[in-house]
Amino acid sequence: MIRGVRGAITVDCNSEEVIMSATEELLKQVIEGNNILPEQVASVFVSTTDDLNAAFPARALRKFPGWTYVPVMCMKELAVPNSLPLCVRVMLHVNTAVPQEEIVHVYLGGAKVLRPDLGNTLAK
């Protein structure tokens, strides 16, 4: 039973340290909000807005405890109408019995929900 878990976080500048720290915080919030275990993760997708360097989130993800062998794909995201600049987004496919409508999607730092039909969200 693979479920999709989404998250996004905005950052205030295009620096490696800031982006890596923000990505790690986003993943932490996604994991804690859904009680996800590393072994439940099938894949992780990281995308960034055009004004961020897509290599930095991948490095942050590889540093995450217990996530050494999680497949990673990084891609530069096309511009989305009404989306915020300097935004990192993640999509985790997790093996869990939790119904999709009970999954918590995490949006931090003013990040906008690009698909409002996703159900539960946690915004800070």
PDB file of N, CA and C in Angstrom:
ATOM      1  N   MET A   1       0.844  -1.182   0.000  1.00  0.00           N
ATOM      2  CA  MET A   1       0.000   0.000   0.000  1.00  0.00           C
ATOM      3  C   MET A   1       0.884   1.238   0.000  1.00  0.00           C
ATOM      4  N   ILE A   2       1.151   1.765  -1.155  1.00  0.00           N
ATOM      5  CA  ILE A   2       2.021   2.925  -1.280  1.00  0.00           C
ATOM      6  C   ILE A   2       1.180   4.193  -1.247  1.00  0.00           C
ATOM      7  N   ARG A   3       1.572   5.122  -0.388  1.00  0.00           N
ATOM      8  CA  ARG A   3       0.858   6.386  -0.256  1.00  0.00           C
ATOM      9  C   ARG A   3       1.809   7.541  -0.576  1.00  0.00           C
ATOM     10  N   GLY A   4       1.248   8.608  -1.096  1.00  0.00           N
ATOM     11  CA  GLY A   4       2.051   9.785  -1.389  1.00  0.00           C
ATOM     12  C   GLY A   4       1.985  10.792  -0.260  1.00  0.00           C
ATOM     13  N   VAL A   5       3.149  11.296   0.142  1.00  0.00           N
ATOM     14  CA  VAL A   5       3.235  12.327   1.174  1.00  0.00           C
ATOM     15  C   VAL A   5       3.977  13.510   0.578  1.00  0.00           C
ATOM     16  N   ARG A   6       3.369  14.676   0.607  1.00  0.00           N
ATOM     17  CA  ARG A   6       3.971  15.860  -0.005  1.00  0.00           C
ATOM     18  C   ARG A   6       4.368  16.882   1.048  1.00  0.00           C
ATOM     19  N   GLY A   7       5.337  17.700   0.686  1.00  0.00           N
ATOM     20  CA  GLY A   7       5.733  18.785   1.561  1.00  0.00           C
ATOM     21  C   GLY A   7       6.450  19.860   0.771  1.00  0.00           C
ATOM     22  N   ALA A   8       6.478  21.061   1.316  1.00  0.00           N
ATOM     23  CA  ALA A   8       7.193  22.165   0.680  1.00  0.00           C
ATOM     24  C   ALA A   8       7.649  23.141   1.747  1.00  0.00           C
ATOM     25  N   ILE A   9       8.748  23.817   1.455  1.00  0.00           N
ATOM     26  CA  ILE A   9       9.263  24.820   2.376  1.00  0.00           C
ATOM     27  C   ILE A   9       9.887  25.949   1.570  1.00  0.00           C
ATOM     28  N   THR A  10       9.664  27.165   2.008  1.00  0.00           N
ATOM     29  CA  THR A  10      10.302  28.301   1.354  1.00  0.00           C
ATOM     30  C   THR A  10      11.565  28.678   2.126  1.00  0.00           C
ATOM     31  N   VAL A  11      12.531  29.195   1.409  1.00  0.00           N
ATOM     32  CA  VAL A  11      13.784  29.630   2.023  1.00  0.00           C
ATOM     33  C   VAL A  11      14.021  31.091   1.657  1.00  0.00           C
ATOM     34  N   ASP A  12      14.894  31.749   2.429  1.00  0.00           N
ATOM     35  CA  ASP A  12      15.070  33.189   2.217  1.00  0.00           C
ATOM     36  C   ASP A  12      16.262  33.550   1.350  1.00  0.00           C
ATOM     37  N   CYS A  13      17.079  32.557   0.995  1.00  0.00           N
ATOM     38  CA  CYS A  13      18.208  32.864   0.112  1.00  0.00           C
ATOM     39  C   CYS A  13      18.706  31.590  -0.556  1.00  0.00           C
ATOM     40  N   ASN A  14      19.433  31.759  -1.634  1.00  0.00           N
ATOM     41  CA  ASN A  14      19.950  30.628  -2.394  1.00  0.00           C
ATOM     42  C   ASN A  14      21.363  30.300  -1.923  1.00  0.00           C
ATOM     43  N   SER A  15      21.464  29.693  -0.743  1.00  0.00           N
ATOM     44  CA  SER A  15      22.766  29.270  -0.237  1.00  0.00           C
ATOM     45  C   SER A  15      22.694  27.806   0.155  1.00  0.00           C
ATOM     46  N   GLU A  16      23.788  27.102  -0.025  1.00  0.00           N
ATOM     47  CA  GLU A  16      23.824  25.661   0.240  1.00  0.00           C
ATOM     48  C   GLU A  16      23.424  25.347   1.675  1.00  0.00           C
ATOM     49  N   GLU A  17      23.966  26.077   2.629  1.00  0.00           N
ATOM     50  CA  GLU A  17      23.683  25.816   4.038  1.00  0.00           C
ATOM     51  C   GLU A  17      22.202  25.991   4.359  1.00  0.00           C
ATOM     52  N   VAL A  18      21.608  27.065   3.870  1.00  0.00           N
ATOM     53  CA  VAL A  18      20.193  27.347   4.139  1.00  0.00           C
ATOM     54  C   VAL A  18      19.299  26.288   3.499  1.00  0.00           C
ATOM     55  N   ILE A  19      19.582  25.933   2.260  1.00  0.00           N
ATOM     56  CA  ILE A  19      18.746  24.970   1.546  1.00  0.00           C
ATOM     57  C   ILE A  19      18.829  23.586   2.178  1.00  0.00           C
ATOM     58  N   MET A  20      20.045  23.167   2.549  1.00  0.00           N
ATOM     59  CA  MET A  20      20.195  21.863   3.182  1.00  0.00           C
ATOM     60  C   MET A  20      19.488  21.819   4.525  1.00  0.00           C
ATOM     61  N   SER A  21      19.617  22.867   5.314  1.00  0.00           N
ATOM     62  CA  SER A  21      18.970  22.927   6.618  1.00  0.00           C
ATOM     63  C   SER A  21      17.444  22.920   6.463  1.00  0.00           C
ATOM     64  N   ALA A  22      16.928  23.680   5.507  1.00  0.00           N
ATOM     65  CA  ALA A  22      15.482  23.750   5.294  1.00  0.00           C
ATOM     66  C   ALA A  22      14.935  22.409   4.819  1.00  0.00           C
ATOM     67  N   THR A  23      15.655  21.738   3.932  1.00  0.00           N
ATOM     68  CA  THR A  23      15.210  20.442   3.428  1.00  0.00           C
ATOM     69  C   THR A  23      15.174  19.411   4.534  1.00  0.00           C
ATOM     70  N   GLU A  24      16.188  19.420   5.390  1.00  0.00           N
ATOM     71  CA  GLU A  24      16.215  18.495   6.519  1.00  0.00           C
ATOM     72  C   GLU A  24      15.061  18.777   7.481  1.00  0.00           C
ATOM     73  N   GLU A  25      14.749  20.044   7.728  1.00  0.00           N
ATOM     74  CA  GLU A  25      13.639  20.400   8.606  1.00  0.00           C
ATOM     75  C   GLU A  25      12.308  19.948   7.999  1.00  0.00           C
ATOM     76  N   LEU A  26      12.151  20.139   6.706  1.00  0.00           N
ATOM     77  CA  LEU A  26      10.928  19.716   6.039  1.00  0.00           C
ATOM     78  C   LEU A  26      10.740  18.208   6.152  1.00  0.00           C
ATOM     79  N   LEU A  27      11.798  17.445   5.872  1.00  0.00           N
ATOM     80  CA  LEU A  27      11.709  15.989   5.965  1.00  0.00           C
ATOM     81  C   LEU A  27      11.407  15.541   7.389  1.00  0.00           C
ATOM     82  N   LYS A  28      12.015  16.208   8.361  1.00  0.00           N
ATOM     83  CA  LYS A  28      11.751  15.884   9.765  1.00  0.00           C
ATOM     84  C   LYS A  28      10.274  16.071  10.091  1.00  0.00           C
ATOM     85  N   GLN A  29       9.704  17.191   9.646  1.00  0.00           N
ATOM     86  CA  GLN A  29       8.296  17.482   9.917  1.00  0.00           C
ATOM     87  C   GLN A  29       7.379  16.481   9.204  1.00  0.00           C
ATOM     88  N   VAL A  30       7.736  16.106   7.974  1.00  0.00           N
ATOM     89  CA  VAL A  30       6.941  15.133   7.228  1.00  0.00           C
ATOM     90  C   VAL A  30       6.952  13.784   7.936  1.00  0.00           C
ATOM     91  N   ILE A  31       8.136  13.368   8.381  1.00  0.00           N
ATOM     92  CA  ILE A  31       8.285  12.071   9.052  1.00  0.00           C
ATOM     93  C   ILE A  31       7.538  12.057  10.379  1.00  0.00           C
ATOM     94  N   GLU A  32       7.755  13.087  11.191  1.00  0.00           N
ATOM     95  CA  GLU A  32       7.107  13.138  12.501  1.00  0.00           C
ATOM     96  C   GLU A  32       5.588  13.268  12.380  1.00  0.00           C
ATOM     97  N   GLY A  33       5.137  14.041  11.406  1.00  0.00           N
ATOM     98  CA  GLY A  33       3.703  14.266  11.250  1.00  0.00           C
ATOM     99  C   GLY A  33       2.939  13.035  10.803  1.00  0.00           C
ATOM    100  N   ASN A  34       3.665  12.072  10.217  1.00  0.00           N
ATOM    101  CA  ASN A  34       3.021  10.869   9.701  1.00  0.00           C
ATOM    102  C   ASN A  34       3.539   9.582  10.343  1.00  0.00           C
ATOM    103  N   ASN A  35       4.397   9.723  11.363  1.00  0.00           N
ATOM    104  CA  ASN A  35       4.976   8.556  12.036  1.00  0.00           C
ATOM    105  C   ASN A  35       5.603   7.569  11.044  1.00  0.00           C
ATOM    106  N   ILE A  36       6.392   8.109  10.116  1.00  0.00           N
ATOM    107  CA  ILE A  36       7.018   7.300   9.081  1.00  0.00           C
ATOM    108  C   ILE A  36       8.339   6.733   9.585  1.00  0.00           C
ATOM    109  N   LEU A  37       8.597   5.470   9.279  1.00  0.00           N
ATOM    110  CA  LEU A  37       9.889   4.846   9.564  1.00  0.00           C
ATOM    111  C   LEU A  37      10.702   4.814   8.273  1.00  0.00           C
ATOM    112  N   PRO A  38      12.035   4.962   8.361  1.00  0.00           N
ATOM    113  CA  PRO A  38      12.858   4.969   7.144  1.00  0.00           C
ATOM    114  C   PRO A  38      12.624   3.768   6.239  1.00  0.00           C
ATOM    115  N   GLU A  39      12.389   2.597   6.815  1.00  0.00           N
ATOM    116  CA  GLU A  39      12.196   1.398   5.999  1.00  0.00           C
ATOM    117  C   GLU A  39      10.851   1.381   5.277  1.00  0.00           C
ATOM    118  N   GLN A  40       9.961   2.306   5.621  1.00  0.00           N
ATOM    119  CA  GLN A  40       8.666   2.391   4.945  1.00  0.00           C
ATOM    120  C   GLN A  40       8.731   3.239   3.671  1.00  0.00           C
ATOM    121  N   VAL A  41       9.844   3.904   3.447  1.00  0.00           N
ATOM    122  CA  VAL A  41       9.955   4.818   2.316  1.00  0.00           C
ATOM    123  C   VAL A  41      10.405   4.069   1.063  1.00  0.00           C
ATOM    124  N   ALA A  42       9.600   4.150   0.008  1.00  0.00           N
ATOM    125  CA  ALA A  42       9.925   3.495  -1.249  1.00  0.00           C
ATOM    126  C   ALA A  42      10.763   4.411  -2.147  1.00  0.00           C
ATOM    127  N   SER A  43      10.449   5.694  -2.167  1.00  0.00           N
ATOM    128  CA  SER A  43      11.209   6.638  -2.985  1.00  0.00           C
ATOM    129  C   SER A  43      10.975   8.050  -2.493  1.00  0.00           C
ATOM    130  N   VAL A  44      11.910   8.926  -2.829  1.00  0.00           N
ATOM    131  CA  VAL A  44      11.827  10.328  -2.451  1.00  0.00           C
ATOM    132  C   VAL A  44      12.135  11.167  -3.688  1.00  0.00           C
ATOM    133  N   PHE A  45      11.285  12.119  -3.976  1.00  0.00           N
ATOM    134  CA  PHE A  45      11.502  13.043  -5.077  1.00  0.00           C
ATOM    135  C   PHE A  45      11.688  14.447  -4.503  1.00  0.00           C
ATOM    136  N   VAL A  46      12.734  15.117  -4.937  1.00  0.00           N
ATOM    137  CA  VAL A  46      12.992  16.480  -4.495  1.00  0.00           C
ATOM    138  C   VAL A  46      12.980  17.388  -5.716  1.00  0.00           C
ATOM    139  N   SER A  47      12.212  18.451  -5.655  1.00  0.00           N
ATOM    140  CA  SER A  47      12.232  19.426  -6.743  1.00  0.00           C
ATOM    141  C   SER A  47      12.392  20.814  -6.157  1.00  0.00           C
ATOM    142  N   THR A  48      12.939  21.699  -6.960  1.00  0.00           N
ATOM    143  CA  THR A  48      13.145  23.074  -6.510  1.00  0.00           C
ATOM    144  C   THR A  48      12.612  24.026  -7.566  1.00  0.00           C
ATOM    145  N   THR A  49      12.299  25.218  -7.132  1.00  0.00           N
ATOM    146  CA  THR A  49      11.954  26.251  -8.098  1.00  0.00           C
ATOM    147  C   THR A  49      13.211  26.617  -8.881  1.00  0.00           C
ATOM    148  N   ASP A  50      12.995  27.276  -9.982  1.00  0.00           N
ATOM    149  CA  ASP A  50      14.074  27.519 -10.934  1.00  0.00           C
ATOM    150  C   ASP A  50      15.228  28.329 -10.351  1.00  0.00           C
ATOM    151  N   ASP A  51      14.967  29.091  -9.291  1.00  0.00           N
ATOM    152  CA  ASP A  51      16.009  29.956  -8.743  1.00  0.00           C
ATOM    153  C   ASP A  51      16.825  29.296  -7.631  1.00  0.00           C
ATOM    154  N   LEU A  52      16.654  27.991  -7.426  1.00  0.00           N
ATOM    155  CA  LEU A  52      17.484  27.259  -6.475  1.00  0.00           C
ATOM    156  C   LEU A  52      18.285  26.194  -7.207  1.00  0.00           C
ATOM    157  N   ASN A  53      19.400  25.825  -6.626  1.00  0.00           N
ATOM    158  CA  ASN A  53      20.243  24.791  -7.216  1.00  0.00           C
ATOM    159  C   ASN A  53      19.743  23.424  -6.760  1.00  0.00           C
ATOM    160  N   ALA A  54      19.317  22.588  -7.694  1.00  0.00           N
ATOM    161  CA  ALA A  54      18.682  21.314  -7.360  1.00  0.00           C
ATOM    162  C   ALA A  54      19.641  20.314  -6.707  1.00  0.00           C
ATOM    163  N   ALA A  55      20.931  20.536  -6.759  1.00  0.00           N
ATOM    164  CA  ALA A  55      21.874  19.588  -6.155  1.00  0.00           C
ATOM    165  C   ALA A  55      21.855  19.663  -4.629  1.00  0.00           C
ATOM    166  N   PHE A  56      21.533  20.815  -4.077  1.00  0.00           N
ATOM    167  CA  PHE A  56      21.611  20.970  -2.620  1.00  0.00           C
ATOM    168  C   PHE A  56      20.590  20.115  -1.871  1.00  0.00           C
ATOM    169  N   PRO A  57      19.314  20.064  -2.267  1.00  0.00           N
ATOM    170  CA  PRO A  57      18.376  19.209  -1.550  1.00  0.00           C
ATOM    171  C   PRO A  57      18.775  17.743  -1.579  1.00  0.00           C
ATOM    172  N   ALA A  58      19.353  17.274  -2.682  1.00  0.00           N
ATOM    173  CA  ALA A  58      19.783  15.878  -2.762  1.00  0.00           C
ATOM    174  C   ALA A  58      20.853  15.595  -1.729  1.00  0.00           C
ATOM    175  N   ARG A  59      21.776  16.515  -1.559  1.00  0.00           N
ATOM    176  CA  ARG A  59      22.831  16.336  -0.560  1.00  0.00           C
ATOM    177  C   ARG A  59      22.252  16.325   0.839  1.00  0.00           C
ATOM    178  N   ALA A  60      21.266  17.184   1.084  1.00  0.00           N
ATOM    179  CA  ALA A  60      20.632  17.218   2.398  1.00  0.00           C
ATOM    180  C   ALA A  60      19.929  15.894   2.677  1.00  0.00           C
ATOM    181  N   LEU A  61      19.275  15.361   1.659  1.00  0.00           N
ATOM    182  CA  LEU A  61      18.545  14.114   1.823  1.00  0.00           C
ATOM    183  C   LEU A  61      19.491  12.963   2.139  1.00  0.00           C
ATOM    184  N   ARG A  62      20.623  12.919   1.491  1.00  0.00           N
ATOM    185  CA  ARG A  62      21.588  11.840   1.731  1.00  0.00           C
ATOM    186  C   ARG A  62      22.172  11.909   3.137  1.00  0.00           C
ATOM    187  N   LYS A  63      22.166  13.093   3.728  1.00  0.00           N
ATOM    188  CA  LYS A  63      22.682  13.247   5.092  1.00  0.00           C
ATOM    189  C   LYS A  63      21.661  12.832   6.145  1.00  0.00           C
ATOM    190  N   PHE A  64      20.394  12.675   5.746  1.00  0.00           N
ATOM    191  CA  PHE A  64      19.348  12.423   6.721  1.00  0.00           C
ATOM    192  C   PHE A  64      19.531  11.057   7.374  1.00  0.00           C
ATOM    193  N   PRO A  65      19.507  10.976   8.712  1.00  0.00           N
ATOM    194  CA  PRO A  65      19.758   9.715   9.414  1.00  0.00           C
ATOM    195  C   PRO A  65      18.826   8.597   8.951  1.00  0.00           C
ATOM    196  N   GLY A  66      19.430   7.453   8.570  1.00  0.00           N
ATOM    197  CA  GLY A  66      18.649   6.298   8.161  1.00  0.00           C
ATOM    198  C   GLY A  66      18.194   6.312   6.716  1.00  0.00           C
ATOM    199  N   TRP A  67      18.579   7.342   5.955  1.00  0.00           N
ATOM    200  CA  TRP A  67      18.087   7.472   4.588  1.00  0.00           C
ATOM    201  C   TRP A  67      19.177   7.257   3.541  1.00  0.00           C
ATOM    202  N   THR A  68      20.264   6.636   3.934  1.00  0.00           N
ATOM    203  CA  THR A  68      21.406   6.490   3.029  1.00  0.00           C
ATOM    204  C   THR A  68      21.024   5.797   1.724  1.00  0.00           C
ATOM    205  N   TYR A  69      20.146   4.787   1.796  1.00  0.00           N
ATOM    206  CA  TYR A  69      19.864   3.976   0.615  1.00  0.00           C
ATOM    207  C   TYR A  69      18.522   4.284  -0.042  1.00  0.00           C
ATOM    208  N   VAL A  70      17.920   5.384   0.351  1.00  0.00           N
ATOM    209  CA  VAL A  70      16.663   5.779  -0.278  1.00  0.00           C
ATOM    210  C   VAL A  70      16.950   6.351  -1.659  1.00  0.00           C
ATOM    211  N   PRO A  71      16.273   5.834  -2.710  1.00  0.00           N
ATOM    212  CA  PRO A  71      16.495   6.391  -4.054  1.00  0.00           C
ATOM    213  C   PRO A  71      16.127   7.867  -4.096  1.00  0.00           C
ATOM    214  N   VAL A  72      16.930   8.648  -4.778  1.00  0.00           N
ATOM    215  CA  VAL A  72      16.698  10.093  -4.857  1.00  0.00           C
ATOM    216  C   VAL A  72      16.659  10.509  -6.314  1.00  0.00           C
ATOM    217  N   MET A  73      15.684  11.326  -6.655  1.00  0.00           N
ATOM    218  CA  MET A  73      15.673  11.938  -7.976  1.00  0.00           C
ATOM    219  C   MET A  73      15.509  13.428  -7.784  1.00  0.00           C
ATOM    220  N   CYS A  74      16.399  14.209  -8.359  1.00  0.00           N
ATOM    221  CA  CYS A  74      16.279  15.663  -8.285  1.00  0.00           C
ATOM    222  C   CYS A  74      15.959  16.197  -9.673  1.00  0.00           C
ATOM    223  N   MET A  75      15.091  17.151  -9.700  1.00  0.00           N
ATOM    224  CA  MET A  75      14.728  17.735 -10.982  1.00  0.00           C
ATOM    225  C   MET A  75      14.406  19.204 -10.786  1.00  0.00           C
ATOM    226  N   LYS A  76      14.669  19.989 -11.789  1.00  0.00           N
ATOM    227  CA  LYS A  76      14.317  21.401 -11.727  1.00  0.00           C
ATOM    228  C   LYS A  76      12.853  21.530 -12.137  1.00  0.00           C
ATOM    229  N   GLU A  77      12.079  22.169 -11.302  1.00  0.00           N
ATOM    230  CA  GLU A  77      10.633  22.242 -11.525  1.00  0.00           C
ATOM    231  C   GLU A  77      10.260  23.410 -12.420  1.00  0.00           C
ATOM    232  N   LEU A  78       9.282  23.187 -13.286  1.00  0.00           N
ATOM    233  CA  LEU A  78       8.787  24.255 -14.131  1.00  0.00           C
ATOM    234  C   LEU A  78       8.046  25.282 -13.284  1.00  0.00           C
ATOM    235  N   ALA A  79       8.008  26.488 -13.768  1.00  0.00           N
ATOM    236  CA  ALA A  79       7.307  27.547 -13.027  1.00  0.00           C
ATOM    237  C   ALA A  79       5.832  27.198 -12.899  1.00  0.00           C
ATOM    238  N   VAL A  80       5.297  27.376 -11.703  1.00  0.00           N
ATOM    239  CA  VAL A  80       3.884  27.097 -11.424  1.00  0.00           C
ATOM    240  C   VAL A  80       3.194  28.418 -11.109  1.00  0.00           C
ATOM    241  N   PRO A  81       2.091  28.716 -11.778  1.00  0.00           N
ATOM    242  CA  PRO A  81       1.387  29.982 -11.493  1.00  0.00           C
ATOM    243  C   PRO A  81       1.037  30.115 -10.013  1.00  0.00           C
ATOM    244  N   ASN A  82       1.288  31.265  -9.459  1.00  0.00           N
ATOM    245  CA  ASN A  82       0.974  31.596  -8.065  1.00  0.00           C
ATOM    246  C   ASN A  82       1.831  30.867  -7.029  1.00  0.00           C
ATOM    247  N   SER A  83       2.851  30.144  -7.456  1.00  0.00           N
ATOM    248  CA  SER A  83       3.721  29.498  -6.477  1.00  0.00           C
ATOM    249  C   SER A  83       4.784  30.494  -6.022  1.00  0.00           C
ATOM    250  N   LEU A  84       5.347  30.227  -4.873  1.00  0.00           N
ATOM    251  CA  LEU A  84       6.323  31.140  -4.302  1.00  0.00           C
ATOM    252  C   LEU A  84       7.719  30.862  -4.839  1.00  0.00           C
ATOM    253  N   PRO A  85       8.570  31.880  -4.936  1.00  0.00           N
ATOM    254  CA  PRO A  85       9.957  31.654  -5.321  1.00  0.00           C
ATOM    255  C   PRO A  85      10.725  31.005  -4.173  1.00  0.00           C
ATOM    256  N   LEU A  86      11.921  30.529  -4.476  1.00  0.00           N
ATOM    257  CA  LEU A  86      12.805  29.928  -3.472  1.00  0.00           C
ATOM    258  C   LEU A  86      12.078  28.868  -2.641  1.00  0.00           C
ATOM    259  N   CYS A  87      11.576  27.854  -3.318  1.00  0.00           N
ATOM    260  CA  CYS A  87      10.793  26.818  -2.654  1.00  0.00           C
ATOM    261  C   CYS A  87      11.368  25.440  -2.964  1.00  0.00           C
ATOM    262  N   VAL A  88      11.511  24.615  -1.926  1.00  0.00           N
ATOM    263  CA  VAL A  88      11.929  23.220  -2.074  1.00  0.00           C
ATOM    264  C   VAL A  88      10.709  22.350  -1.804  1.00  0.00           C
ATOM    265  N   ARG A  89      10.453  21.401  -2.684  1.00  0.00           N
ATOM    266  CA  ARG A  89       9.315  20.502  -2.503  1.00  0.00           C
ATOM    267  C   ARG A  89       9.794  19.059  -2.449  1.00  0.00           C
ATOM    268  N   VAL A  90       9.124  18.248  -1.636  1.00  0.00           N
ATOM    269  CA  VAL A  90       9.451  16.824  -1.566  1.00  0.00           C
ATOM    270  C   VAL A  90       8.178  16.007  -1.767  1.00  0.00           C
ATOM    271  N   MET A  91       8.360  14.824  -2.319  1.00  0.00           N
ATOM    272  CA  MET A  91       7.270  13.862  -2.459  1.00  0.00           C
ATOM    273  C   MET A  91       7.829  12.512  -2.036  1.00  0.00           C
ATOM    274  N   LEU A  92       7.271  11.949  -0.976  1.00  0.00           N
ATOM    275  CA  LEU A  92       7.681  10.639  -0.497  1.00  0.00           C
ATOM    276  C   LEU A  92       6.603   9.628  -0.854  1.00  0.00           C
ATOM    277  N   HIS A  93       7.027   8.477  -1.361  1.00  0.00           N
ATOM    278  CA  HIS A  93       6.113   7.358  -1.541  1.00  0.00           C
ATOM    279  C   HIS A  93       6.394   6.395  -0.396  1.00  0.00           C
ATOM    280  N   VAL A  94       5.411   6.204   0.470  1.00  0.00           N
ATOM    281  CA  VAL A  94       5.620   5.411   1.678  1.00  0.00           C
ATOM    282  C   VAL A  94       4.692   4.202   1.704  1.00  0.00           C
ATOM    283  N   ASN A  95       5.211   3.114   2.248  1.00  0.00           N
ATOM    284  CA  ASN A  95       4.448   1.888   2.399  1.00  0.00           C
ATOM    285  C   ASN A  95       3.786   1.911   3.770  1.00  0.00           C
ATOM    286  N   THR A  96       2.509   2.248   3.811  1.00  0.00           N
ATOM    287  CA  THR A  96       1.807   2.388   5.082  1.00  0.00           C
ATOM    288  C   THR A  96       0.337   2.017   4.928  1.00  0.00           C
ATOM    289  N   ALA A  97      -0.247   1.542   6.032  1.00  0.00           N
ATOM    290  CA  ALA A  97      -1.666   1.193   6.022  1.00  0.00           C
ATOM    291  C   ALA A  97      -2.556   2.413   6.226  1.00  0.00           C
ATOM    292  N   VAL A  98      -1.968   3.564   6.484  1.00  0.00           N
ATOM    293  CA  VAL A  98      -2.752   4.782   6.714  1.00  0.00           C
ATOM    294  C   VAL A  98      -3.420   5.207   5.401  1.00  0.00           C
ATOM    295  N   PRO A  99      -4.726   5.431   5.408  1.00  0.00           N
ATOM    296  CA  PRO A  99      -5.411   5.887   4.199  1.00  0.00           C
ATOM    297  C   PRO A  99      -4.850   7.228   3.716  1.00  0.00           C
ATOM    298  N   GLN A 100      -4.869   7.442   2.417  1.00  0.00           N
ATOM    299  CA  GLN A 100      -4.309   8.665   1.848  1.00  0.00           C
ATOM    300  C   GLN A 100      -4.948   9.911   2.449  1.00  0.00           C
ATOM    301  N   GLU A 101      -6.243   9.864   2.726  1.00  0.00           N
ATOM    302  CA  GLU A 101      -6.903  11.051   3.245  1.00  0.00           C
ATOM    303  C   GLU A 101      -6.488  11.382   4.674  1.00  0.00           C
ATOM    304  N   GLU A 102      -5.795  10.463   5.348  1.00  0.00           N
ATOM    305  CA  GLU A 102      -5.307  10.726   6.702  1.00  0.00           C
ATOM    306  C   GLU A 102      -3.833  11.131   6.735  1.00  0.00           C
ATOM    307  N   ILE A 103      -3.195  11.125   5.578  1.00  0.00           N
ATOM    308  CA  ILE A 103      -1.798  11.562   5.479  1.00  0.00           C
ATOM    309  C   ILE A 103      -1.736  13.068   5.713  1.00  0.00           C
ATOM    310  N   VAL A 104      -0.713  13.504   6.438  1.00  0.00           N
ATOM    311  CA  VAL A 104      -0.506  14.940   6.680  1.00  0.00           C
ATOM    312  C   VAL A 104       0.537  15.468   5.702  1.00  0.00           C
ATOM    313  N   HIS A 105       0.167  16.453   4.916  1.00  0.00           N
ATOM    314  CA  HIS A 105       1.083  17.100   3.983  1.00  0.00           C
ATOM    315  C   HIS A 105       1.603  18.374   4.640  1.00  0.00           C
ATOM    316  N   VAL A 106       2.906  18.574   4.589  1.00  0.00           N
ATOM    317  CA  VAL A 106       3.561  19.616   5.382  1.00  0.00           C
ATOM    318  C   VAL A 106       4.007  20.774   4.496  1.00  0.00           C
ATOM    319  N   TYR A 107       3.573  21.978   4.831  1.00  0.00           N
ATOM    320  CA  TYR A 107       3.960  23.181   4.092  1.00  0.00           C
ATOM    321  C   TYR A 107       4.481  24.211   5.083  1.00  0.00           C
ATOM    322  N   LEU A 108       5.755  24.527   4.997  1.00  0.00           N
ATOM    323  CA  LEU A 108       6.413  25.389   5.968  1.00  0.00           C
ATOM    324  C   LEU A 108       6.876  26.698   5.335  1.00  0.00           C
ATOM    325  N   GLY A 109       6.938  27.737   6.170  1.00  0.00           N
ATOM    326  CA  GLY A 109       7.487  29.012   5.728  1.00  0.00           C
ATOM    327  C   GLY A 109       6.679  29.700   4.660  1.00  0.00           C
ATOM    328  N   GLY A 110       5.357  29.507   4.673  1.00  0.00           N
ATOM    329  CA  GLY A 110       4.518  30.182   3.694  1.00  0.00           C
ATOM    330  C   GLY A 110       4.389  29.457   2.372  1.00  0.00           C
ATOM    331  N   ALA A 111       4.918  28.232   2.268  1.00  0.00           N
ATOM    332  CA  ALA A 111       4.787  27.483   1.023  1.00  0.00           C
ATOM    333  C   ALA A 111       3.322  27.240   0.713  1.00  0.00           C
ATOM    334  N   LYS A 112       2.976  27.327  -0.565  1.00  0.00           N
ATOM    335  CA  LYS A 112       1.581  27.184  -0.950  1.00  0.00           C
ATOM    336  C   LYS A 112       1.266  25.740  -1.332  1.00  0.00           C
ATOM    337  N   VAL A 113       0.022  25.348  -1.099  1.00  0.00           N
ATOM    338  CA  VAL A 113      -0.450  24.038  -1.520  1.00  0.00           C
ATOM    339  C   VAL A 113      -0.750  24.118  -3.010  1.00  0.00           C
ATOM    340  N   LEU A 114      -0.034  23.334  -3.804  1.00  0.00           N
ATOM    341  CA  LEU A 114      -0.244  23.380  -5.247  1.00  0.00           C
ATOM    342  C   LEU A 114      -1.438  22.523  -5.663  1.00  0.00           C
ATOM    343  N   ARG A 115      -1.779  21.533  -4.817  1.00  0.00           N
ATOM    344  CA  ARG A 115      -2.949  20.697  -5.077  1.00  0.00           C
ATOM    345  C   ARG A 115      -3.823  20.697  -3.833  1.00  0.00           C
ATOM    346  N   PRO A 116      -4.769  21.606  -3.730  1.00  0.00           N
ATOM    347  CA  PRO A 116      -5.564  21.738  -2.511  1.00  0.00           C
ATOM    348  C   PRO A 116      -6.456  20.534  -2.223  1.00  0.00           C
ATOM    349  N   ASP A 117      -6.559  19.594  -3.175  1.00  0.00           N
ATOM    350  CA  ASP A 117      -7.394  18.422  -2.963  1.00  0.00           C
ATOM    351  C   ASP A 117      -6.675  17.329  -2.179  1.00  0.00           C
ATOM    352  N   LEU A 118      -5.451  17.586  -1.729  1.00  0.00           N
ATOM    353  CA  LEU A 118      -4.660  16.551  -1.083  1.00  0.00           C
ATOM    354  C   LEU A 118      -5.134  16.194   0.321  1.00  0.00           C
ATOM    355  N   GLY A 119      -5.964  16.988   0.920  1.00  0.00           N
ATOM    356  CA  GLY A 119      -6.460  16.634   2.241  1.00  0.00           C
ATOM    357  C   GLY A 119      -5.732  17.381   3.351  1.00  0.00           C
ATOM    358  N   ASN A 120      -5.336  16.659   4.393  1.00  0.00           N
ATOM    359  CA  ASN A 120      -4.735  17.281   5.576  1.00  0.00           C
ATOM    360  C   ASN A 120      -3.437  18.011   5.262  1.00  0.00           C
ATOM    361  N   THR A 121      -3.253  19.170   5.866  1.00  0.00           N
ATOM    362  CA  THR A 121      -2.002  19.894   5.707  1.00  0.00           C
ATOM    363  C   THR A 121      -1.550  20.429   7.053  1.00  0.00           C
ATOM    364  N   LEU A 122      -0.253  20.565   7.191  1.00  0.00           N
ATOM    365  CA  LEU A 122       0.327  21.171   8.377  1.00  0.00           C
ATOM    366  C   LEU A 122       1.141  22.364   7.915  1.00  0.00           C
ATOM    367  N   ALA A 123       0.736  23.558   8.265  1.00  0.00           N
ATOM    368  CA  ALA A 123       1.433  24.769   7.828  1.00  0.00           C
ATOM    369  C   ALA A 123       1.988  25.475   9.039  1.00  0.00           C
ATOM    370  N   LYS A 124       3.206  26.006   8.905  1.00  0.00           N
ATOM    371  CA  LYS A 124       3.834  26.760   9.985  1.00  0.00           C
ATOM    372  C   LYS A 124       4.330  28.077   9.430  1.00  0.00           C
TER     373      LYS A 124
END
